[in-house]
Amino acid sequence: QPVVIVRGKGSWVWDADGKEYLDLIGGWAVNSLGHCHPVIT
């Protein structure tokens, strides 16, 4: 997809232009606990 993801938190990710997206893909179902979960980090 023409989107460059640069960071994530929980169920949200942001692209290189600062646009926010609700992540319903979860890395093809491998990020089921969300992005940057503090315990996992």
PDB file of all heavy atoms in Angstrom:
ATOM      1  N   GLN A   1       0.859  -1.183   0.000  1.00  0.00           N
ATOM      2  CA  GLN A   1       0.000   0.000   0.000  1.00  0.00           C
ATOM      3  C   GLN A   1       0.897   1.236   0.000  1.00  0.00           C
ATOM      4  O   GLN A   1       1.984   1.218   0.567  1.00  0.00           O
ATOM      5  CB  GLN A   1      -0.898  -0.004   1.247  1.00  0.00           C
ATOM      6  CG  GLN A   1      -1.827  -1.193   1.311  1.00  0.00           C
ATOM      7  CD  GLN A   1      -2.748  -1.257   0.122  1.00  0.00           C
ATOM      8  OE1 GLN A   1      -3.347  -0.265  -0.265  1.00  0.00           O
ATOM      9  NE2 GLN A   1      -2.862  -2.427  -0.482  1.00  0.00           N
ATOM     10  N   PRO A   2       0.474   2.341  -0.597  1.00  0.00           N
ATOM     11  CA  PRO A   2       1.316   3.545  -0.672  1.00  0.00           C
ATOM     12  C   PRO A   2       1.327   4.329   0.640  1.00  0.00           C
ATOM     13  O   PRO A   2       1.012   5.518   0.679  1.00  0.00           O
ATOM     14  CB  PRO A   2       0.674   4.342  -1.811  1.00  0.00           C
ATOM     15  CG  PRO A   2      -0.770   3.951  -1.756  1.00  0.00           C
ATOM     16  CD  PRO A   2      -0.781   2.494  -1.342  1.00  0.00           C
ATOM     17  N   VAL A   3       1.668   3.641   1.729  1.00  0.00           N
ATOM     18  CA  VAL A   3       1.713   4.249   3.055  1.00  0.00           C
ATOM     19  C   VAL A   3       3.023   3.816   3.714  1.00  0.00           C
ATOM     20  O   VAL A   3       3.373   2.641   3.688  1.00  0.00           O
ATOM     21  CB  VAL A   3       0.525   3.778   3.933  1.00  0.00           C
ATOM     22  CG1 VAL A   3       0.614   4.362   5.326  1.00  0.00           C
ATOM     23  CG2 VAL A   3      -0.802   4.136   3.280  1.00  0.00           C
ATOM     24  N   VAL A   4       3.750   4.758   4.305  1.00  0.00           N
ATOM     25  CA  VAL A   4       4.988   4.454   5.022  1.00  0.00           C
ATOM     26  C   VAL A   4       4.709   4.621   6.513  1.00  0.00           C
ATOM     27  O   VAL A   4       4.567   5.743   7.008  1.00  0.00           O
ATOM     28  CB  VAL A   4       6.140   5.377   4.573  1.00  0.00           C
ATOM     29  CG1 VAL A   4       7.401   5.087   5.377  1.00  0.00           C
ATOM     30  CG2 VAL A   4       6.398   5.207   3.081  1.00  0.00           C
ATOM     31  N   ILE A   5       4.608   3.518   7.221  1.00  0.00           N
ATOM     32  CA  ILE A   5       4.329   3.541   8.659  1.00  0.00           C
ATOM     33  C   ILE A   5       5.626   3.795   9.418  1.00  0.00           C
ATOM     34  O   ILE A   5       6.628   3.116   9.194  1.00  0.00           O
ATOM     35  CB  ILE A   5       3.701   2.204   9.112  1.00  0.00           C
ATOM     36  CG1 ILE A   5       2.422   1.907   8.323  1.00  0.00           C
ATOM     37  CG2 ILE A   5       3.445   2.197  10.612  1.00  0.00           C
ATOM     38  CD1 ILE A   5       1.311   2.903   8.517  1.00  0.00           C
ATOM     39  N   VAL A   6       5.612   4.783  10.328  1.00  0.00           N
ATOM     40  CA  VAL A   6       6.834   5.123  11.057  1.00  0.00           C
ATOM     41  C   VAL A   6       6.757   4.835  12.557  1.00  0.00           C
ATOM     42  O   VAL A   6       7.782   4.689  13.217  1.00  0.00           O
ATOM     43  CB  VAL A   6       7.226   6.601  10.839  1.00  0.00           C
ATOM     44  CG1 VAL A   6       7.575   6.856   9.372  1.00  0.00           C
ATOM     45  CG2 VAL A   6       6.129   7.552  11.297  1.00  0.00           C
ATOM     46  N   ARG A   7       5.541   4.767  13.122  1.00  0.00           N
ATOM     47  CA  ARG A   7       5.441   4.448  14.542  1.00  0.00           C
ATOM     48  C   ARG A   7       4.035   3.957  14.860  1.00  0.00           C
ATOM     49  O   ARG A   7       3.102   4.122  14.073  1.00  0.00           O
ATOM     50  CB  ARG A   7       5.793   5.651  15.425  1.00  0.00           C
ATOM     51  CG  ARG A   7       4.812   6.795  15.379  1.00  0.00           C
ATOM     52  CD  ARG A   7       5.274   7.972  16.251  1.00  0.00           C
ATOM     53  NE  ARG A   7       4.324   9.067  16.181  1.00  0.00           N
ATOM     54  CZ  ARG A   7       3.307   9.233  17.025  1.00  0.00           C
ATOM     55  NH1 ARG A   7       3.134   8.380  18.029  1.00  0.00           N
ATOM     56  NH2 ARG A   7       2.496  10.264  16.909  1.00  0.00           N
ATOM     57  N   GLY A   8       3.929   3.318  16.044  1.00  0.00           N
ATOM     58  CA  GLY A   8       2.634   2.820  16.464  1.00  0.00           C
ATOM     59  C   GLY A   8       2.496   2.843  17.970  1.00  0.00           C
ATOM     60  O   GLY A   8       3.492   2.848  18.700  1.00  0.00           O
ATOM     61  N   LYS A   9       1.262   2.873  18.443  1.00  0.00           N
ATOM     62  CA  LYS A   9       0.978   2.795  19.876  1.00  0.00           C
ATOM     63  C   LYS A   9      -0.404   2.169  20.029  1.00  0.00           C
ATOM     64  O   LYS A   9      -1.388   2.701  19.503  1.00  0.00           O
ATOM     65  CB  LYS A   9       1.028   4.165  20.529  1.00  0.00           C
ATOM     66  CG  LYS A   9       0.844   4.114  22.046  1.00  0.00           C
ATOM     67  CD  LYS A   9       1.130   5.464  22.669  1.00  0.00           C
ATOM     68  CE  LYS A   9       0.921   5.462  24.183  1.00  0.00           C
ATOM     69  NZ  LYS A   9       1.772   4.530  24.903  1.00  0.00           N
ATOM     70  N   GLY A  10      -0.445   1.029  20.720  1.00  0.00           N
ATOM     71  CA  GLY A  10      -1.718   0.338  20.875  1.00  0.00           C
ATOM     72  C   GLY A  10      -2.252  -0.110  19.528  1.00  0.00           C
ATOM     73  O   GLY A  10      -1.572  -0.793  18.774  1.00  0.00           O
ATOM     74  N   SER A  11      -3.461   0.296  19.221  1.00  0.00           N
ATOM     75  CA  SER A  11      -4.095  -0.077  17.950  1.00  0.00           C
ATOM     76  C   SER A  11      -3.933   0.985  16.868  1.00  0.00           C
ATOM     77  O   SER A  11      -4.563   0.891  15.813  1.00  0.00           O
ATOM     78  CB  SER A  11      -5.590  -0.331  18.175  1.00  0.00           C
ATOM     79  OG  SER A  11      -5.767  -1.418  19.047  1.00  0.00           O
ATOM     80  N   TRP A  12      -3.091   1.982  17.109  1.00  0.00           N
ATOM     81  CA  TRP A  12      -2.933   3.091  16.166  1.00  0.00           C
ATOM     82  C   TRP A  12      -1.534   3.115  15.584  1.00  0.00           C
ATOM     83  O   TRP A  12      -0.561   2.775  16.257  1.00  0.00           O
ATOM     84  CB  TRP A  12      -3.229   4.426  16.861  1.00  0.00           C
ATOM     85  CG  TRP A  12      -4.649   4.507  17.326  1.00  0.00           C
ATOM     86  CD1 TRP A  12      -5.133   4.141  18.553  1.00  0.00           C
ATOM     87  CD2 TRP A  12      -5.779   4.919  16.563  1.00  0.00           C
ATOM     88  NE1 TRP A  12      -6.490   4.316  18.600  1.00  0.00           N
ATOM     89  CE2 TRP A  12      -6.922   4.804  17.397  1.00  0.00           C
ATOM     90  CE3 TRP A  12      -5.946   5.396  15.265  1.00  0.00           C
ATOM     91  CZ2 TRP A  12      -8.201   5.129  16.967  1.00  0.00           C
ATOM     92  CZ3 TRP A  12      -7.209   5.729  14.839  1.00  0.00           C
ATOM     93  CH2 TRP A  12      -8.326   5.596  15.683  1.00  0.00           C
ATOM     94  N   VAL A  13      -1.431   3.530  14.315  1.00  0.00           N
ATOM     95  CA  VAL A  13      -0.136   3.737  13.665  1.00  0.00           C
ATOM     96  C   VAL A  13      -0.162   5.095  12.964  1.00  0.00           C
ATOM     97  O   VAL A  13      -1.235   5.631  12.662  1.00  0.00           O
ATOM     98  CB  VAL A  13       0.196   2.617  12.654  1.00  0.00           C
ATOM     99  CG1 VAL A  13       0.426   1.286  13.361  1.00  0.00           C
ATOM    100  CG2 VAL A  13      -0.870   2.478  11.574  1.00  0.00           C
ATOM    101  N   TRP A  14       1.030   5.642  12.723  1.00  0.00           N
ATOM    102  CA  TRP A  14       1.175   6.927  12.050  1.00  0.00           C
ATOM    103  C   TRP A  14       2.118   6.772  10.875  1.00  0.00           C
ATOM    104  O   TRP A  14       3.114   6.049  10.950  1.00  0.00           O
ATOM    105  CB  TRP A  14       1.728   7.981  13.014  1.00  0.00           C
ATOM    106  CG  TRP A  14       0.747   8.412  14.055  1.00  0.00           C
ATOM    107  CD1 TRP A  14      -0.039   9.526  14.012  1.00  0.00           C
ATOM    108  CD2 TRP A  14       0.415   7.743  15.278  1.00  0.00           C
ATOM    109  NE1 TRP A  14      -0.827   9.598  15.131  1.00  0.00           N
ATOM    110  CE2 TRP A  14      -0.566   8.515  15.941  1.00  0.00           C
ATOM    111  CE3 TRP A  14       0.851   6.568  15.892  1.00  0.00           C
ATOM    112  CZ2 TRP A  14      -1.120   8.149  17.154  1.00  0.00           C
ATOM    113  CZ3 TRP A  14       0.303   6.193  17.113  1.00  0.00           C
ATOM    114  CH2 TRP A  14      -0.672   6.986  17.732  1.00  0.00           C
ATOM    115  N   ASP A  15       1.811   7.495   9.775  1.00  0.00           N
ATOM    116  CA  ASP A  15       2.680   7.426   8.606  1.00  0.00           C
ATOM    117  C   ASP A  15       3.712   8.545   8.636  1.00  0.00           C
ATOM    118  O   ASP A  15       3.739   9.371   9.564  1.00  0.00           O
ATOM    119  CB  ASP A  15       1.863   7.408   7.308  1.00  0.00           C
ATOM    120  CG  ASP A  15       1.171   8.729   6.983  1.00  0.00           C
ATOM    121  OD1 ASP A  15       1.468   9.759   7.627  1.00  0.00           O
ATOM    122  OD2 ASP A  15       0.335   8.730   6.061  1.00  0.00           O
ATOM    123  N   ALA A  16       4.563   8.558   7.616  1.00  0.00           N
ATOM    124  CA  ALA A  16       5.665   9.521   7.561  1.00  0.00           C
ATOM    125  C   ALA A  16       5.185  10.958   7.474  1.00  0.00           C
ATOM    126  O   ALA A  16       5.923  11.892   7.767  1.00  0.00           O
ATOM    127  CB  ALA A  16       6.566   9.200   6.367  1.00  0.00           C
ATOM    128  N   ASP A  17       3.913  11.162   7.102  1.00  0.00           N
ATOM    129  CA  ASP A  17       3.355  12.506   7.006  1.00  0.00           C
ATOM    130  C   ASP A  17       2.523  12.874   8.227  1.00  0.00           C
ATOM    131  O   ASP A  17       1.864  13.914   8.247  1.00  0.00           O
ATOM    132  CB  ASP A  17       2.503  12.620   5.742  1.00  0.00           C
ATOM    133  CG  ASP A  17       3.331  12.373   4.491  1.00  0.00           C
ATOM    134  OD1 ASP A  17       4.307  13.119   4.276  1.00  0.00           O
ATOM    135  OD2 ASP A  17       3.018  11.413   3.761  1.00  0.00           O
ATOM    136  N   GLY A  18       2.534  12.008   9.255  1.00  0.00           N
ATOM    137  CA  GLY A  18       1.819  12.303  10.490  1.00  0.00           C
ATOM    138  C   GLY A  18       0.359  11.897  10.503  1.00  0.00           C
ATOM    139  O   GLY A  18      -0.355  12.157  11.470  1.00  0.00           O
ATOM    140  N   LYS A  19      -0.113  11.250   9.437  1.00  0.00           N
ATOM    141  CA  LYS A  19      -1.510  10.822   9.390  1.00  0.00           C
ATOM    142  C   LYS A  19      -1.703   9.596  10.277  1.00  0.00           C
ATOM    143  O   LYS A  19      -0.892   8.675  10.278  1.00  0.00           O
ATOM    144  CB  LYS A  19      -1.917  10.511   7.952  1.00  0.00           C
ATOM    145  CG  LYS A  19      -3.400  10.197   7.795  1.00  0.00           C
ATOM    146  CD  LYS A  19      -3.785  10.027   6.329  1.00  0.00           C
ATOM    147  CE  LYS A  19      -5.266   9.704   6.217  1.00  0.00           C
ATOM    148  NZ  LYS A  19      -5.662   9.479   4.817  1.00  0.00           N
ATOM    149  N   GLU A  20      -2.821   9.594  11.019  1.00  0.00           N
ATOM    150  CA  GLU A  20      -3.121   8.546  11.989  1.00  0.00           C
ATOM    151  C   GLU A  20      -4.065   7.506  11.369  1.00  0.00           C
ATOM    152  O   GLU A  20      -5.003   7.854  10.658  1.00  0.00           O
ATOM    153  CB  GLU A  20      -3.789   9.190  13.210  1.00  0.00           C
ATOM    154  CG  GLU A  20      -4.123   8.248  14.331  1.00  0.00           C
ATOM    155  CD  GLU A  20      -4.784   8.995  15.486  1.00  0.00           C
ATOM    156  OE1 GLU A  20      -5.741   9.768  15.223  1.00  0.00           O
ATOM    157  OE2 GLU A  20      -4.347   8.817  16.621  1.00  0.00           O
ATOM    158  N   TYR A  21      -3.796   6.212  11.654  1.00  0.00           N
ATOM    159  CA  TYR A  21      -4.635   5.126  11.146  1.00  0.00           C
ATOM    160  C   TYR A  21      -4.974   4.172  12.286  1.00  0.00           C
ATOM    161  O   TYR A  21      -4.129   3.892  13.140  1.00  0.00           O
ATOM    162  CB  TYR A  21      -3.892   4.289  10.087  1.00  0.00           C
ATOM    163  CG  TYR A  21      -3.435   5.048   8.879  1.00  0.00           C
ATOM    164  CD1 TYR A  21      -2.216   5.740   8.888  1.00  0.00           C
ATOM    165  CD2 TYR A  21      -4.191   5.060   7.713  1.00  0.00           C
ATOM    166  CE1 TYR A  21      -1.777   6.420   7.759  1.00  0.00           C
ATOM    167  CE2 TYR A  21      -3.756   5.743   6.583  1.00  0.00           C
ATOM    168  CZ  TYR A  21      -2.552   6.422   6.618  1.00  0.00           C
ATOM    169  OH  TYR A  21      -2.114   7.097   5.509  1.00  0.00           O
ATOM    170  N   LEU A  22      -6.188   3.653  12.288  1.00  0.00           N
ATOM    171  CA  LEU A  22      -6.561   2.562  13.178  1.00  0.00           C
ATOM    172  C   LEU A  22      -6.083   1.274  12.519  1.00  0.00           C
ATOM    173  O   LEU A  22      -6.496   0.944  11.412  1.00  0.00           O
ATOM    174  CB  LEU A  22      -8.077   2.527  13.391  1.00  0.00           C
ATOM    175  CG  LEU A  22      -8.611   1.385  14.263  1.00  0.00           C
ATOM    176  CD1 LEU A  22      -8.008   1.438  15.663  1.00  0.00           C
ATOM    177  CD2 LEU A  22     -10.133   1.455  14.341  1.00  0.00           C
ATOM    178  N   ASP A  23      -5.187   0.554  13.186  1.00  0.00           N
ATOM    179  CA  ASP A  23      -4.563  -0.636  12.616  1.00  0.00           C
ATOM    180  C   ASP A  23      -5.455  -1.854  12.821  1.00  0.00           C
ATOM    181  O   ASP A  23      -5.488  -2.433  13.904  1.00  0.00           O
ATOM    182  CB  ASP A  23      -3.189  -0.858  13.250  1.00  0.00           C
ATOM    183  CG  ASP A  23      -2.453  -2.035  12.636  1.00  0.00           C
ATOM    184  OD1 ASP A  23      -2.969  -2.638  11.671  1.00  0.00           O
ATOM    185  OD2 ASP A  23      -1.349  -2.349  13.122  1.00  0.00           O
ATOM    186  N   LEU A  24      -6.183  -2.234  11.791  1.00  0.00           N
ATOM    187  CA  LEU A  24      -7.033  -3.416  11.844  1.00  0.00           C
ATOM    188  C   LEU A  24      -6.341  -4.641  11.248  1.00  0.00           C
ATOM    189  O   LEU A  24      -6.944  -5.706  11.151  1.00  0.00           O
ATOM    190  CB  LEU A  24      -8.352  -3.154  11.113  1.00  0.00           C
ATOM    191  CG  LEU A  24      -9.195  -2.008  11.690  1.00  0.00           C
ATOM    192  CD1 LEU A  24     -10.417  -1.749  10.827  1.00  0.00           C
ATOM    193  CD2 LEU A  24      -9.596  -2.302  13.124  1.00  0.00           C
ATOM    194  N   ILE A  25      -5.090  -4.495  10.845  1.00  0.00           N
ATOM    195  CA  ILE A  25      -4.350  -5.602  10.231  1.00  0.00           C
ATOM    196  C   ILE A  25      -3.454  -6.297  11.255  1.00  0.00           C
ATOM    197  O   ILE A  25      -3.317  -7.509  11.248  1.00  0.00           O
ATOM    198  CB  ILE A  25      -3.524  -5.098   9.034  1.00  0.00           C
ATOM    199  CG1 ILE A  25      -4.469  -4.503   7.972  1.00  0.00           C
ATOM    200  CG2 ILE A  25      -2.698  -6.225   8.435  1.00  0.00           C
ATOM    201  CD1 ILE A  25      -3.765  -3.785   6.861  1.00  0.00           C
ATOM    202  N   GLY A  26      -2.874  -5.520  12.157  1.00  0.00           N
ATOM    203  CA  GLY A  26      -2.034  -6.103  13.206  1.00  0.00           C
ATOM    204  C   GLY A  26      -0.860  -6.898  12.673  1.00  0.00           C
ATOM    205  O   GLY A  26      -0.534  -7.971  13.181  1.00  0.00           O
ATOM    206  N   GLY A  27      -0.192  -6.370  11.636  1.00  0.00           N
ATOM    207  CA  GLY A  27       0.969  -7.070  11.090  1.00  0.00           C
ATOM    208  C   GLY A  27       0.607  -8.442  10.559  1.00  0.00           C
ATOM    209  O   GLY A  27       1.321  -9.409  10.767  1.00  0.00           O
ATOM    210  N   TRP A  28      -0.545  -8.542   9.877  1.00  0.00           N
ATOM    211  CA  TRP A  28      -1.080  -9.820   9.410  1.00  0.00           C
ATOM    212  C   TRP A  28      -1.281 -10.762  10.594  1.00  0.00           C
ATOM    213  O   TRP A  28      -0.842 -11.897  10.607  1.00  0.00           O
ATOM    214  CB  TRP A  28      -0.231 -10.473   8.323  1.00  0.00           C
ATOM    215  CG  TRP A  28      -0.376  -9.821   6.985  1.00  0.00           C
ATOM    216  CD1 TRP A  28      -1.418  -9.069   6.559  1.00  0.00           C
ATOM    217  CD2 TRP A  28       0.554  -9.848   5.908  1.00  0.00           C
ATOM    218  NE1 TRP A  28      -1.206  -8.627   5.273  1.00  0.00           N
ATOM    219  CE2 TRP A  28       0.005  -9.102   4.853  1.00  0.00           C
ATOM    220  CE3 TRP A  28       1.796 -10.438   5.741  1.00  0.00           C
ATOM    221  CZ2 TRP A  28       0.658  -8.928   3.642  1.00  0.00           C
ATOM    222  CZ3 TRP A  28       2.440 -10.261   4.537  1.00  0.00           C
ATOM    223  CH2 TRP A  28       1.875  -9.515   3.499  1.00  0.00           C
ATOM    224  N   ALA A  29      -1.908 -10.216  11.637  1.00  0.00           N
ATOM    225  CA  ALA A  29      -2.348 -10.991  12.804  1.00  0.00           C
ATOM    226  C   ALA A  29      -1.214 -11.413  13.734  1.00  0.00           C
ATOM    227  O   ALA A  29      -1.368 -12.349  14.496  1.00  0.00           O
ATOM    228  CB  ALA A  29      -3.167 -12.207  12.369  1.00  0.00           C
ATOM    229  N   VAL A  30      -0.084 -10.709  13.722  1.00  0.00           N
ATOM    230  CA  VAL A  30       0.993 -11.050  14.655  1.00  0.00           C
ATOM    231  C   VAL A  30       1.175 -10.007  15.759  1.00  0.00           C
ATOM    232  O   VAL A  30       1.916 -10.243  16.711  1.00  0.00           O
ATOM    233  CB  VAL A  30       2.345 -11.261  13.933  1.00  0.00           C
ATOM    234  CG1 VAL A  30       2.261 -12.422  12.975  1.00  0.00           C
ATOM    235  CG2 VAL A  30       2.782 -10.001  13.198  1.00  0.00           C
ATOM    236  N   ASN A  31       0.490  -8.871  15.656  1.00  0.00           N
ATOM    237  CA  ASN A  31       0.567  -7.839  16.688  1.00  0.00           C
ATOM    238  C   ASN A  31      -0.747  -7.773  17.455  1.00  0.00           C
ATOM    239  O   ASN A  31      -1.353  -6.719  17.613  1.00  0.00           O
ATOM    240  CB  ASN A  31       0.867  -6.461  16.066  1.00  0.00           C
ATOM    241  CG  ASN A  31       2.228  -6.403  15.427  1.00  0.00           C
ATOM    242  OD1 ASN A  31       3.131  -7.125  15.811  1.00  0.00           O
ATOM    243  ND2 ASN A  31       2.372  -5.559  14.434  1.00  0.00           N
ATOM    244  N   SER A  32      -1.190  -8.901  17.965  1.00  0.00           N
ATOM    245  CA  SER A  32      -2.516  -8.952  18.581  1.00  0.00           C
ATOM    246  C   SER A  32      -2.595  -8.163  19.884  1.00  0.00           C
ATOM    247  O   SER A  32      -3.689  -7.849  20.343  1.00  0.00           O
ATOM    248  CB  SER A  32      -2.930 -10.410  18.833  1.00  0.00           C
ATOM    249  OG  SER A  32      -1.988 -11.049  19.670  1.00  0.00           O
ATOM    250  N   LEU A  33      -1.469  -7.838  20.483  1.00  0.00           N
ATOM    251  CA  LEU A  33      -1.462  -7.033  21.710  1.00  0.00           C
ATOM    252  C   LEU A  33      -1.176  -5.567  21.434  1.00  0.00           C
ATOM    253  O   LEU A  33      -1.002  -4.779  22.358  1.00  0.00           O
ATOM    254  CB  LEU A  33      -0.439  -7.591  22.707  1.00  0.00           C
ATOM    255  CG  LEU A  33      -0.702  -9.027  23.168  1.00  0.00           C
ATOM    256  CD1 LEU A  33       0.390  -9.492  24.118  1.00  0.00           C
ATOM    257  CD2 LEU A  33      -2.061  -9.152  23.822  1.00  0.00           C
ATOM    258  N   GLY A  34      -1.142  -5.214  20.163  1.00  0.00           N
ATOM    259  CA  GLY A  34      -0.936  -3.817  19.803  1.00  0.00           C
ATOM    260  C   GLY A  34       0.533  -3.451  19.678  1.00  0.00           C
ATOM    261  O   GLY A  34       1.427  -4.247  19.942  1.00  0.00           O
ATOM    262  N   HIS A  35       0.762  -2.211  19.289  1.00  0.00           N
ATOM    263  CA  HIS A  35       2.118  -1.707  19.083  1.00  0.00           C
ATOM    264  C   HIS A  35       2.664  -1.119  20.376  1.00  0.00           C
ATOM    265  O   HIS A  35       1.965  -0.420  21.100  1.00  0.00           O
ATOM    266  CB  HIS A  35       2.105  -0.618  17.998  1.00  0.00           C
ATOM    267  CG  HIS A  35       1.651  -1.123  16.670  1.00  0.00           C
ATOM    268  ND1 HIS A  35       2.469  -1.789  15.803  1.00  0.00           N
ATOM    269  CD2 HIS A  35       0.424  -1.076  16.075  1.00  0.00           C
ATOM    270  CE1 HIS A  35       1.786  -2.116  14.709  1.00  0.00           C
ATOM    271  NE2 HIS A  35       0.541  -1.691  14.858  1.00  0.00           N
ATOM    272  N   CYS A  36       3.929  -1.409  20.655  1.00  0.00           N
ATOM    273  CA  CYS A  36       4.673  -0.797  21.761  1.00  0.00           C
ATOM    274  C   CYS A  36       4.027  -1.041  23.128  1.00  0.00           C
ATOM    275  O   CYS A  36       4.061  -0.168  24.005  1.00  0.00           O
ATOM    276  CB  CYS A  36       4.875   0.691  21.520  1.00  0.00           C
ATOM    277  SG  CYS A  36       5.703   1.043  19.958  1.00  0.00           S
ATOM    278  N   HIS A  37       3.448  -2.214  23.317  1.00  0.00           N
ATOM    279  CA  HIS A  37       2.901  -2.558  24.632  1.00  0.00           C
ATOM    280  C   HIS A  37       4.052  -2.506  25.641  1.00  0.00           C
ATOM    281  O   HIS A  37       5.112  -3.084  25.407  1.00  0.00           O
ATOM    282  CB  HIS A  37       2.279  -3.952  24.591  1.00  0.00           C
ATOM    283  CG  HIS A  37       1.498  -4.291  25.812  1.00  0.00           C
ATOM    284  ND1 HIS A  37       2.086  -4.549  27.033  1.00  0.00           N
ATOM    285  CD2 HIS A  37       0.162  -4.405  25.996  1.00  0.00           C
ATOM    286  CE1 HIS A  37       1.155  -4.816  27.920  1.00  0.00           C
ATOM    287  NE2 HIS A  37      -0.021  -4.738  27.316  1.00  0.00           N
ATOM    288  N   PRO A  38       3.883  -1.802  26.758  1.00  0.00           N
ATOM    289  CA  PRO A  38       5.023  -1.601  27.663  1.00  0.00           C
ATOM    290  C   PRO A  38       5.625  -2.896  28.210  1.00  0.00           C
ATOM    291  O   PRO A  38       6.844  -2.981  28.373  1.00  0.00           O
ATOM    292  CB  PRO A  38       4.452  -0.730  28.781  1.00  0.00           C
ATOM    293  CG  PRO A  38       2.976  -0.755  28.612  1.00  0.00           C
ATOM    294  CD  PRO A  38       2.686  -1.098  27.201  1.00  0.00           C
ATOM    295  N   VAL A  39       4.817  -3.897  28.487  1.00  0.00           N
ATOM    296  CA  VAL A  39       5.359  -5.160  29.014  1.00  0.00           C
ATOM    297  C   VAL A  39       6.187  -5.866  27.947  1.00  0.00           C
ATOM    298  O   VAL A  39       7.282  -6.366  28.214  1.00  0.00           O
ATOM    299  CB  VAL A  39       4.218  -6.067  29.522  1.00  0.00           C
ATOM    300  CG1 VAL A  39       4.754  -7.434  29.931  1.00  0.00           C
ATOM    301  CG2 VAL A  39       3.488  -5.404  30.688  1.00  0.00           C
ATOM    302  N   ILE A  40       5.680  -5.869  26.707  1.00  0.00           N
ATOM    303  CA  ILE A  40       6.415  -6.507  25.610  1.00  0.00           C
ATOM    304  C   ILE A  40       7.690  -5.723  25.297  1.00  0.00           C
ATOM    305  O   ILE A  40       8.755  -6.304  25.090  1.00  0.00           O
ATOM    306  CB  ILE A  40       5.519  -6.624  24.362  1.00  0.00           C
ATOM    307  CG1 ILE A  40       4.348  -7.564  24.665  1.00  0.00           C
ATOM    308  CG2 ILE A  40       6.315  -7.123  23.161  1.00  0.00           C
ATOM    309  CD1 ILE A  40       3.302  -7.612  23.583  1.00  0.00           C
ATOM    310  N   THR A  41       7.582  -4.405  25.283  1.00  0.00           N
ATOM    311  CA  THR A  41       8.756  -3.568  25.027  1.00  0.00           C
ATOM    312  C   THR A  41       9.844  -3.819  26.061  1.00  0.00           C
ATOM    313  O   THR A  41      11.027  -3.957  25.723  1.00  0.00           O
ATOM    314  CB  THR A  41       8.356  -2.076  25.021  1.00  0.00           C
ATOM    315  OG1 THR A  41       7.386  -1.870  23.995  1.00  0.00           O
ATOM    316  CG2 THR A  41       9.558  -1.187  24.766  1.00  0.00           C
TER     317      THR A  41
END
